[in-house]
């Protein structure tokens, strides 16, 4: 029973993204992506990091720390906005554990991911950032503030929630998933490590957008999904959201079936003085509805940065 659940989770994730990549007629153009490199974090492992550097001609540009979504990579989540963001900000992002070229640890733990990000900032000599997260990355951005408040100048949380386990169905699903993960984690990890070992050190630039996107998506093993979903099922920021004391914007996707819009609105309502923006699309708007989503997201980033400078 538990193995069947795990296989279903993987198949649904892969099929959904594959269908979107093949059928969509609304892909943005693939920009000239900033190059990435492997960075050794002592005691933690090697991470794949993209650092755009300070934008030309901009004095004291703020740094944005971007956290990517579930089953994707930094490039795949943020390619559609990277040009605009790095024109006025320094942008730093890394592939999270069990994703793409991220660290393949014994377990996937959200706290480890945000501590990897903090260690990356140490290595790059960056003190303070605006933490920006999409979907799973929104949970990581919240947790980054919680664990590293002195380094968090602001937050931008997009298509995300404060808790993944919020109804009866979730309450039944996640315990079953936890039992399966405890039994099968070693197998998951081996398969994730196998995919990771077969990747080039640095992603090869793509020419045709759908082909590049599909290759980037496949760099994360579907076998990572049960372990990652299990970690998200244990995440619950609701007890401390009211303590967030930095400028925060929440970007809501109004037709979201992956993270219900009601949960996104509840997140925004719980954060003091949060700026709220809403876009009309679904959970994959960052890629498949980017022409409507991008200007709203960029406005949210600008408003948080403006509050920092006020």
Foldseek 3Di string as FASTA:
>chain_A
DLVVVLVVLLVVVLVVVLVCLVPFPFFDAQDPAAWWAWDQQPPQGIWIKGKLPAAPPAPPFAEEEEFEAPLFFPCLLCRLPVVVDRNRHIYMYIGFELAQLHPLDLARALVSRLVVVVSVCVVVVQQAHAYEYAAVSLLSNLVNCVVPVRRHQEYEHEAYFQAPQDDPVSVVPLVSLVVSCVVCSVVLSVVSVVLNVPDDRTDDDDDDVSVSSSVRSVSRPSSCVSRVVNNRNPGHCQVCQQVDDHAYEYEAACPEPVRHRVRSVVSQVNHPPYHYHYFDHYSSCSGRVVVGRVVRSVVNVVVRVVVSVD
